Amino acid sequence: MIQQQVAILEFDREKRAKFSPENFGKRKCLPKKCVISFSKTSTDAVAKRYGAEVRTEFWSCTANLPVYVLVYGGEEIALVCGFLGAAGAAAQIEELIAMGVEKFVVCGAAGVLTELPLGAFVVPDSAVRDEGTSFHYAPSSYEIKADQDAVQSIVQTLEREKIPYRLGKTWTTDGLYRETDEKITLRRSQGCLTVEMEASALMAVAQFRGVRLAQILYGGDDLSGELYDHRDFFAQHDIRQTLVEISLKCVKNL
């Protein structure tokens, strides 16, 4: 590792760190496939629908999240609500890997930067790295590509099920309240369809650890116009639950 003028650029390729999930008691107890949903109500509702068991739990200083295991199409699949933001989501992926997961489909809402309807599905094939976590898992770069084989698997499932979607770039940011007009204009000119807070970090962690991961986003609030439009996207329970169901189908085929 070479010291840089900016600390975040000091990427270390060493995979071993001073401590790991195993130091916190994480052991293999989960199936190889997992859906992470950034909607707790939808996660809990789908888990209840399938009679899922609580296999283990994620605990933190601020929230505890159950890790469900359900049977879908004759196969055990883990289902868990995701921690908001790149750092929390990355740590969660690390712990799920330690518990035996090898393939992930991640789903949740994203702000739209173009005229996408509420609930439109977007499959990210790359992401602008406007967050800090990914730089601990991949050398510095402006963007990161998703696992293209995993993306194509998702696309094939959506097309087979005749589910409309857009394939394209997303903008991952740590600054929820710093999505300015100038940045939005720049990201749109770079081809970004959406903005969210986890994608580039999850891509980087998955590639660093050698696991498969792809995502499905749905169009939530609208940042494409002159004025911000919330579109009441938090209340779209049917869309969120449908997305979790679709993600189960996708991860089974991954």
C-alpha atoms as a PDB file:
ATOM      1  CA  MET A   1       0.000   0.000   0.000  1.00  0.00           C
ATOM      2  CA  ILE A   2       1.291   3.453  -0.958  1.00  0.00           C
ATOM      3  CA  GLN A   3       0.415   6.501   1.111  1.00  0.00           C
ATOM      4  CA  GLN A   4      -1.632   9.036  -0.825  1.00  0.00           C
ATOM      5  CA  GLN A   5      -2.533  12.675  -0.298  1.00  0.00           C
ATOM      6  CA  VAL A   6      -6.129  11.592   0.320  1.00  0.00           C
ATOM      7  CA  ALA A   7      -6.549   8.698   2.771  1.00  0.00           C
ATOM      8  CA  ILE A   8      -9.532   7.131   0.992  1.00  0.00           C
ATOM      9  CA  LEU A   9      -7.297   6.376  -2.006  1.00  0.00           C
ATOM     10  CA  GLU A  10      -4.978   4.134   0.052  1.00  0.00           C
ATOM     11  CA  PHE A  11      -6.405   0.791  -1.089  1.00  0.00           C
ATOM     12  CA  ASP A  12      -4.851  -2.296   0.518  1.00  0.00           C
ATOM     13  CA  ARG A  13      -5.182  -5.548  -1.449  1.00  0.00           C
ATOM     14  CA  GLU A  14      -4.606  -7.666   1.669  1.00  0.00           C
ATOM     15  CA  LYS A  15      -7.774  -9.686   2.285  1.00  0.00           C
ATOM     16  CA  ARG A  16      -7.060 -10.373   5.961  1.00  0.00           C
ATOM     17  CA  ALA A  17      -7.949  -7.618   8.394  1.00  0.00           C
ATOM     18  CA  LYS A  18      -7.276  -7.326  12.114  1.00  0.00           C
ATOM     19  CA  PHE A  19     -10.690  -8.814  12.849  1.00  0.00           C
ATOM     20  CA  SER A  20     -13.467 -10.434  10.825  1.00  0.00           C
ATOM     21  CA  PRO A  21     -17.114 -11.518  11.208  1.00  0.00           C
ATOM     22  CA  GLU A  22     -15.891 -14.747  12.774  1.00  0.00           C
ATOM     23  CA  ASN A  23     -14.570 -12.733  15.726  1.00  0.00           C
ATOM     24  CA  PHE A  24     -18.197 -11.806  16.426  1.00  0.00           C
ATOM     25  CA  GLY A  25     -19.417 -15.383  16.364  1.00  0.00           C
ATOM     26  CA  LYS A  26     -20.533 -15.546  12.731  1.00  0.00           C
ATOM     27  CA  ARG A  27     -20.473 -19.160  11.540  1.00  0.00           C
ATOM     28  CA  LYS A  28     -21.882 -20.980   8.517  1.00  0.00           C
ATOM     29  CA  CYS A  29     -25.605 -21.426   9.136  1.00  0.00           C
ATOM     30  CA  LEU A  30     -27.299 -20.037   6.017  1.00  0.00           C
ATOM     31  CA  PRO A  31     -28.056 -21.361   2.526  1.00  0.00           C
ATOM     32  CA  LYS A  32     -25.891 -20.288  -0.410  1.00  0.00           C
ATOM     33  CA  LYS A  33     -28.490 -17.918  -1.877  1.00  0.00           C
ATOM     34  CA  CYS A  34     -29.871 -14.746  -0.296  1.00  0.00           C
ATOM     35  CA  VAL A  35     -32.199 -11.855  -1.094  1.00  0.00           C
ATOM     36  CA  ILE A  36     -31.493  -8.534   0.620  1.00  0.00           C
ATOM     37  CA  SER A  37     -34.464  -6.162   0.557  1.00  0.00           C
ATOM     38  CA  PHE A  38     -34.256  -2.509   1.578  1.00  0.00           C
ATOM     39  CA  SER A  39     -37.807  -2.596   2.917  1.00  0.00           C
ATOM     40  CA  LYS A  40     -38.387  -4.099   6.338  1.00  0.00           C
ATOM     41  CA  THR A  41     -42.175  -4.263   6.059  1.00  0.00           C
ATOM     42  CA  SER A  42     -41.945  -6.108   2.729  1.00  0.00           C
ATOM     43  CA  THR A  43     -39.224  -8.432   4.013  1.00  0.00           C
ATOM     44  CA  ASP A  44     -41.313  -9.358   7.036  1.00  0.00           C
ATOM     45  CA  ALA A  45     -44.503  -9.750   4.970  1.00  0.00           C
ATOM     46  CA  VAL A  46     -42.919 -12.075   2.409  1.00  0.00           C
ATOM     47  CA  ALA A  47     -41.225 -14.082   5.172  1.00  0.00           C
ATOM     48  CA  LYS A  48     -44.598 -14.558   6.868  1.00  0.00           C
ATOM     49  CA  ARG A  49     -46.238 -15.551   3.574  1.00  0.00           C
ATOM     50  CA  TYR A  50     -43.735 -18.373   3.098  1.00  0.00           C
ATOM     51  CA  GLY A  51     -43.684 -19.473   6.734  1.00  0.00           C
ATOM     52  CA  ALA A  52     -40.004 -18.586   7.036  1.00  0.00           C
ATOM     53  CA  GLU A  53     -37.983 -19.396  10.119  1.00  0.00           C
ATOM     54  CA  VAL A  54     -35.687 -16.918  11.821  1.00  0.00           C
ATOM     55  CA  ARG A  55     -32.302 -18.607  11.433  1.00  0.00           C
ATOM     56  CA  THR A  56     -30.167 -15.894  13.033  1.00  0.00           C
ATOM     57  CA  GLU A  57     -30.107 -12.131  13.615  1.00  0.00           C
ATOM     58  CA  PHE A  58     -28.090  -9.073  12.702  1.00  0.00           C
ATOM     59  CA  TRP A  59     -27.554  -6.832  15.699  1.00  0.00           C
ATOM     60  CA  SER A  60     -26.164  -3.326  15.872  1.00  0.00           C
ATOM     61  CA  CYS A  61     -26.194  -0.331  18.179  1.00  0.00           C
ATOM     62  CA  THR A  62     -29.327   1.030  16.525  1.00  0.00           C
ATOM     63  CA  ALA A  63     -31.351  -1.875  15.075  1.00  0.00           C
ATOM     64  CA  ASN A  64     -31.615  -5.642  15.100  1.00  0.00           C
ATOM     65  CA  LEU A  65     -32.724  -7.449  11.933  1.00  0.00           C
ATOM     66  CA  PRO A  66     -33.890 -11.066  11.701  1.00  0.00           C
ATOM     67  CA  VAL A  67     -32.365 -13.284   9.026  1.00  0.00           C
ATOM     68  CA  TYR A  68     -35.125 -15.473   7.615  1.00  0.00           C
ATOM     69  CA  VAL A  69     -34.768 -18.752   5.759  1.00  0.00           C
ATOM     70  CA  LEU A  70     -37.674 -19.841   3.569  1.00  0.00           C
ATOM     71  CA  VAL A  71     -38.271 -22.583   1.029  1.00  0.00           C
ATOM     72  CA  TYR A  72     -38.854 -21.280  -2.488  1.00  0.00           C
ATOM     73  CA  GLY A  73     -39.313 -23.703  -5.371  1.00  0.00           C
ATOM     74  CA  GLY A  74     -37.952 -26.511  -3.230  1.00  0.00           C
ATOM     75  CA  GLU A  75     -34.776 -24.621  -2.329  1.00  0.00           C
ATOM     76  CA  GLU A  76     -33.768 -22.870   0.892  1.00  0.00           C
ATOM     77  CA  ILE A  77     -33.122 -19.131   0.409  1.00  0.00           C
ATOM     78  CA  ALA A  78     -32.138 -16.561   3.024  1.00  0.00           C
ATOM     79  CA  LEU A  79     -34.067 -13.292   3.204  1.00  0.00           C
ATOM     80  CA  VAL A  80     -33.044 -10.231   5.206  1.00  0.00           C
ATOM     81  CA  CYS A  81     -33.704  -6.506   5.323  1.00  0.00           C
ATOM     82  CA  GLY A  82     -30.631  -4.475   4.366  1.00  0.00           C
ATOM     83  CA  PHE A  83     -28.853  -1.891   6.478  1.00  0.00           C
ATOM     84  CA  LEU A  84     -29.206   1.584   4.951  1.00  0.00           C
ATOM     85  CA  GLY A  85     -26.088   3.127   3.401  1.00  0.00           C
ATOM     86  CA  ALA A  86     -22.883   1.801   1.888  1.00  0.00           C
ATOM     87  CA  ALA A  87     -20.951   1.111   5.106  1.00  0.00           C
ATOM     88  CA  GLY A  88     -23.724  -0.802   6.856  1.00  0.00           C
ATOM     89  CA  ALA A  89     -24.688  -2.734   3.732  1.00  0.00           C
ATOM     90  CA  ALA A  90     -21.066  -3.726   3.088  1.00  0.00           C
ATOM     91  CA  ALA A  91     -20.593  -5.011   6.636  1.00  0.00           C
ATOM     92  CA  GLN A  92     -23.832  -6.962   6.299  1.00  0.00           C
ATOM     93  CA  ILE A  93     -22.614  -8.619   3.085  1.00  0.00           C
ATOM     94  CA  GLU A  94     -19.360  -9.547   4.818  1.00  0.00           C
ATOM     95  CA  GLU A  95     -21.273 -11.223   7.659  1.00  0.00           C
ATOM     96  CA  LEU A  96     -23.651 -13.039   5.302  1.00  0.00           C
ATOM     97  CA  ILE A  97     -20.667 -14.397   3.381  1.00  0.00           C
ATOM     98  CA  ALA A  98     -19.155 -15.624   6.660  1.00  0.00           C
ATOM     99  CA  MET A  99     -22.474 -17.357   7.355  1.00  0.00           C
ATOM    100  CA  GLY A 100     -22.325 -19.257   4.065  1.00  0.00           C
ATOM    101  CA  VAL A 101     -24.005 -17.075   1.404  1.00  0.00           C
ATOM    102  CA  GLU A 102     -22.409 -17.141  -2.048  1.00  0.00           C
ATOM    103  CA  LYS A 103     -25.067 -15.587  -4.297  1.00  0.00           C
ATOM    104  CA  PHE A 104     -27.047 -12.384  -3.685  1.00  0.00           C
ATOM    105  CA  VAL A 105     -29.890 -10.492  -5.277  1.00  0.00           C
ATOM    106  CA  VAL A 106     -30.388  -7.078  -3.683  1.00  0.00           C
ATOM    107  CA  CYS A 107     -33.558  -5.041  -4.189  1.00  0.00           C
ATOM    108  CA  GLY A 108     -34.938  -1.692  -3.104  1.00  0.00           C
ATOM    109  CA  ALA A 109     -36.035   1.792  -4.093  1.00  0.00           C
ATOM    110  CA  ALA A 110     -33.937   4.413  -5.866  1.00  0.00           C
ATOM    111  CA  GLY A 111     -34.461   8.010  -6.858  1.00  0.00           C
ATOM    112  CA  VAL A 112     -34.914   8.458 -10.605  1.00  0.00           C
ATOM    113  CA  LEU A 113     -32.790  10.932 -12.565  1.00  0.00           C
ATOM    114  CA  THR A 114     -34.733  10.492 -15.814  1.00  0.00           C
ATOM    115  CA  GLU A 115     -38.453  10.260 -16.526  1.00  0.00           C
ATOM    116  CA  LEU A 116     -39.017   6.757 -15.176  1.00  0.00           C
ATOM    117  CA  PRO A 117     -42.479   5.949 -13.843  1.00  0.00           C
ATOM    118  CA  LEU A 118     -43.051   5.116 -10.201  1.00  0.00           C
ATOM    119  CA  GLY A 119     -42.269   1.429  -9.708  1.00  0.00           C
ATOM    120  CA  ALA A 120     -40.246   0.982 -12.920  1.00  0.00           C
ATOM    121  CA  PHE A 121     -37.554  -1.688 -12.543  1.00  0.00           C
ATOM    122  CA  VAL A 122     -33.890  -0.853 -13.176  1.00  0.00           C
ATOM    123  CA  VAL A 123     -31.061  -3.398 -13.243  1.00  0.00           C
ATOM    124  CA  PRO A 124     -27.731  -1.617 -12.565  1.00  0.00           C
ATOM    125  CA  ASP A 125     -24.853  -2.771 -14.753  1.00  0.00           C
ATOM    126  CA  SER A 126     -22.425  -0.196 -13.311  1.00  0.00           C
ATOM    127  CA  ALA A 127     -22.285   2.515 -10.658  1.00  0.00           C
ATOM    128  CA  VAL A 128     -20.622   5.861 -10.031  1.00  0.00           C
ATOM    129  CA  ARG A 129     -18.607   5.516  -6.799  1.00  0.00           C
ATOM    130  CA  ASP A 130     -19.665   8.644  -4.915  1.00  0.00           C
ATOM    131  CA  GLU A 131     -19.377   6.879  -1.542  1.00  0.00           C
ATOM    132  CA  GLY A 132     -16.427   5.887   0.612  1.00  0.00           C
ATOM    133  CA  THR A 133     -16.844   2.201   1.409  1.00  0.00           C
ATOM    134  CA  SER A 134     -16.044   0.759  -2.018  1.00  0.00           C
ATOM    135  CA  PHE A 135     -12.567   2.322  -1.919  1.00  0.00           C
ATOM    136  CA  HIS A 136     -11.641  -0.111   0.869  1.00  0.00           C
ATOM    137  CA  TYR A 137     -12.493  -3.033  -1.454  1.00  0.00           C
ATOM    138  CA  ALA A 138     -11.336  -1.927  -4.919  1.00  0.00           C
ATOM    139  CA  PRO A 139      -8.643   0.360  -6.323  1.00  0.00           C
ATOM    140  CA  SER A 140      -9.767   3.938  -6.876  1.00  0.00           C
ATOM    141  CA  SER A 141     -11.824   4.563 -10.006  1.00  0.00           C
ATOM    142  CA  TYR A 142     -14.714   6.795 -10.991  1.00  0.00           C
ATOM    143  CA  GLU A 143     -17.079   3.907 -11.696  1.00  0.00           C
ATOM    144  CA  ILE A 144     -17.358   0.197 -11.017  1.00  0.00           C
ATOM    145  CA  LYS A 145     -18.941  -2.464 -13.200  1.00  0.00           C
ATOM    146  CA  ALA A 146     -21.385  -4.985 -11.797  1.00  0.00           C
ATOM    147  CA  ASP A 147     -20.894  -8.740 -12.155  1.00  0.00           C
ATOM    148  CA  GLN A 148     -22.015  -8.975 -15.775  1.00  0.00           C
ATOM    149  CA  ASP A 149     -22.840 -12.691 -15.633  1.00  0.00           C
ATOM    150  CA  ALA A 150     -25.050 -12.093 -12.579  1.00  0.00           C
ATOM    151  CA  VAL A 151     -26.682  -9.122 -14.302  1.00  0.00           C
ATOM    152  CA  GLN A 152     -27.433 -11.216 -17.376  1.00  0.00           C
ATOM    153  CA  SER A 153     -28.952 -13.920 -15.185  1.00  0.00           C
ATOM    154  CA  ILE A 154     -31.315 -11.323 -13.700  1.00  0.00           C
ATOM    155  CA  VAL A 155     -32.145  -9.958 -17.147  1.00  0.00           C
ATOM    156  CA  GLN A 156     -32.925 -13.433 -18.494  1.00  0.00           C
ATOM    157  CA  THR A 157     -35.282 -14.135 -15.600  1.00  0.00           C
ATOM    158  CA  LEU A 158     -37.092 -10.809 -16.024  1.00  0.00           C
ATOM    159  CA  GLU A 159     -37.455 -11.338 -19.766  1.00  0.00           C
ATOM    160  CA  ARG A 160     -38.662 -14.905 -19.306  1.00  0.00           C
ATOM    161  CA  GLU A 161     -41.299 -13.605 -16.867  1.00  0.00           C
ATOM    162  CA  LYS A 162     -42.143 -10.757 -19.289  1.00  0.00           C
ATOM    163  CA  ILE A 163     -41.320  -8.126 -16.645  1.00  0.00           C
ATOM    164  CA  PRO A 164     -40.314  -4.739 -18.136  1.00  0.00           C
ATOM    165  CA  TYR A 165     -37.012  -3.257 -16.947  1.00  0.00           C
ATOM    166  CA  ARG A 166     -34.251  -0.795 -17.813  1.00  0.00           C
ATOM    167  CA  LEU A 167     -30.589  -1.771 -17.816  1.00  0.00           C
ATOM    168  CA  GLY A 168     -28.118   0.980 -16.948  1.00  0.00           C
ATOM    169  CA  LYS A 169     -25.903   2.942 -14.615  1.00  0.00           C
ATOM    170  CA  THR A 170     -26.707   4.092 -11.087  1.00  0.00           C
ATOM    171  CA  TRP A 171     -25.187   6.800  -8.899  1.00  0.00           C
ATOM    172  CA  THR A 172     -24.277   5.690  -5.387  1.00  0.00           C
ATOM    173  CA  THR A 173     -23.837   8.488  -2.866  1.00  0.00           C
ATOM    174  CA  ASP A 174     -23.263   8.854   0.868  1.00  0.00           C
ATOM    175  CA  GLY A 175     -24.797  12.333   0.859  1.00  0.00           C
ATOM    176  CA  LEU A 176     -28.562  11.831   1.069  1.00  0.00           C
ATOM    177  CA  TYR A 177     -29.174  15.571   1.458  1.00  0.00           C
ATOM    178  CA  ARG A 178     -26.407  16.643  -0.951  1.00  0.00           C
ATOM    179  CA  GLU A 179     -28.002  15.611  -4.234  1.00  0.00           C
ATOM    180  CA  THR A 180     -27.705  19.056  -5.807  1.00  0.00           C
ATOM    181  CA  ASP A 181     -28.974  20.254  -9.189  1.00  0.00           C
ATOM    182  CA  GLU A 182     -25.440  20.469 -10.551  1.00  0.00           C
ATOM    183  CA  LYS A 183     -24.555  16.924  -9.451  1.00  0.00           C
ATOM    184  CA  ILE A 184     -27.832  15.535 -10.776  1.00  0.00           C
ATOM    185  CA  THR A 185     -27.213  17.192 -14.149  1.00  0.00           C
ATOM    186  CA  LEU A 186     -23.687  15.761 -14.266  1.00  0.00           C
ATOM    187  CA  ARG A 187     -24.782  12.250 -13.307  1.00  0.00           C
ATOM    188  CA  ARG A 188     -27.575  12.320 -15.865  1.00  0.00           C
ATOM    189  CA  SER A 189     -25.064  13.366 -18.555  1.00  0.00           C
ATOM    190  CA  GLN A 190     -22.933  10.378 -17.512  1.00  0.00           C
ATOM    191  CA  GLY A 191     -25.839   8.041 -18.182  1.00  0.00           C
ATOM    192  CA  CYS A 192     -27.081   7.440 -14.634  1.00  0.00           C
ATOM    193  CA  LEU A 193     -30.722   6.399 -14.449  1.00  0.00           C
ATOM    194  CA  THR A 194     -31.012   6.294 -10.661  1.00  0.00           C
ATOM    195  CA  VAL A 195     -29.460   7.415  -7.382  1.00  0.00           C
ATOM    196  CA  GLU A 196     -29.197   5.287  -4.236  1.00  0.00           C
ATOM    197  CA  MET A 197     -26.801   4.654  -1.338  1.00  0.00           C
ATOM    198  CA  GLU A 198     -25.424   1.092  -1.587  1.00  0.00           C
ATOM    199  CA  ALA A 199     -24.888  -0.280  -5.111  1.00  0.00           C
ATOM    200  CA  SER A 200     -21.235   0.563  -5.825  1.00  0.00           C
ATOM    201  CA  ALA A 201     -20.156  -0.614  -2.370  1.00  0.00           C
ATOM    202  CA  LEU A 202     -22.024  -3.915  -2.708  1.00  0.00           C
ATOM    203  CA  MET A 203     -20.486  -4.499  -6.135  1.00  0.00           C
ATOM    204  CA  ALA A 204     -17.000  -3.862  -4.739  1.00  0.00           C
ATOM    205  CA  VAL A 205     -17.421  -6.118  -1.685  1.00  0.00           C
ATOM    206  CA  ALA A 206     -18.841  -8.965  -3.757  1.00  0.00           C
ATOM    207  CA  GLN A 207     -16.008  -8.809  -6.263  1.00  0.00           C
ATOM    208  CA  PHE A 208     -13.356  -8.549  -3.532  1.00  0.00           C
ATOM    209  CA  ARG A 209     -14.781 -11.609  -1.744  1.00  0.00           C
ATOM    210  CA  GLY A 210     -15.467 -13.601  -4.920  1.00  0.00           C
ATOM    211  CA  VAL A 211     -19.232 -13.969  -4.561  1.00  0.00           C
ATOM    212  CA  ARG A 212     -22.044 -13.339  -7.049  1.00  0.00           C
ATOM    213  CA  LEU A 213     -24.257 -10.266  -6.677  1.00  0.00           C
ATOM    214  CA  ALA A 214     -26.756  -8.354  -8.783  1.00  0.00           C
ATOM    215  CA  GLN A 215     -29.459  -5.822  -7.989  1.00  0.00           C
ATOM    216  CA  ILE A 216     -32.949  -4.767  -8.991  1.00  0.00           C
ATOM    217  CA  LEU A 217     -34.041  -1.235  -8.161  1.00  0.00           C
ATOM    218  CA  TYR A 218     -37.487   0.261  -8.488  1.00  0.00           C
ATOM    219  CA  GLY A 219     -38.140   3.867  -9.387  1.00  0.00           C
ATOM    220  CA  GLY A 220     -39.081   5.751  -6.235  1.00  0.00           C
ATOM    221  CA  ASP A 221     -38.870   9.506  -5.725  1.00  0.00           C
ATOM    222  CA  ASP A 222     -38.292  11.687  -8.793  1.00  0.00           C
ATOM    223  CA  LEU A 223     -35.285  14.031  -9.077  1.00  0.00           C
ATOM    224  CA  SER A 224     -35.539  14.498 -12.834  1.00  0.00           C
ATOM    225  CA  GLY A 225     -37.677  17.641 -12.897  1.00  0.00           C
ATOM    226  CA  GLU A 226     -37.292  21.230 -11.824  1.00  0.00           C
ATOM    227  CA  LEU A 227     -38.893  20.406  -8.463  1.00  0.00           C
ATOM    228  CA  TYR A 228     -38.421  17.339  -6.294  1.00  0.00           C
ATOM    229  CA  ASP A 229     -41.338  14.877  -6.362  1.00  0.00           C
ATOM    230  CA  HIS A 230     -41.540  12.424  -3.451  1.00  0.00           C
ATOM    231  CA  ARG A 231     -44.283  10.450  -5.262  1.00  0.00           C
ATOM    232  CA  ASP A 232     -45.216   8.889  -1.909  1.00  0.00           C
ATOM    233  CA  PHE A 233     -42.843   6.060  -2.757  1.00  0.00           C
ATOM    234  CA  PHE A 234     -42.586   4.862   0.862  1.00  0.00           C
ATOM    235  CA  ALA A 235     -46.232   3.813   0.673  1.00  0.00           C
ATOM    236  CA  GLN A 236     -45.838   1.537  -2.365  1.00  0.00           C
ATOM    237  CA  HIS A 237     -46.160  -1.698  -0.382  1.00  0.00           C
ATOM    238  CA  ASP A 238     -47.453  -3.779  -3.304  1.00  0.00           C
ATOM    239  CA  ILE A 239     -44.509  -2.785  -5.513  1.00  0.00           C
ATOM    240  CA  ARG A 240     -42.015  -3.539  -2.746  1.00  0.00           C
ATOM    241  CA  GLN A 241     -43.459  -6.967  -1.973  1.00  0.00           C
ATOM    242  CA  THR A 242     -43.680  -7.838  -5.665  1.00  0.00           C
ATOM    243  CA  LEU A 243     -40.021  -6.871  -6.026  1.00  0.00           C
ATOM    244  CA  VAL A 244     -39.020  -9.202  -3.178  1.00  0.00           C
ATOM    245  CA  GLU A 245     -40.971 -12.032  -4.834  1.00  0.00           C
ATOM    246  CA  ILE A 246     -39.260 -11.359  -8.171  1.00  0.00           C
ATOM    247  CA  SER A 247     -35.879 -11.248  -6.429  1.00  0.00           C
ATOM    248  CA  LEU A 248     -36.509 -14.691  -4.927  1.00  0.00           C
ATOM    249  CA  LYS A 249     -37.142 -16.012  -8.433  1.00  0.00           C
ATOM    250  CA  CYS A 250     -33.999 -14.284  -9.724  1.00  0.00           C
ATOM    251  CA  VAL A 251     -31.710 -15.561  -6.983  1.00  0.00           C
ATOM    252  CA  LYS A 252     -33.010 -19.097  -7.442  1.00  0.00           C
ATOM    253  CA  ASN A 253     -31.886 -18.883 -11.070  1.00  0.00           C
ATOM    254  CA  LEU A 254     -28.552 -17.234 -10.261  1.00  0.00           C
END
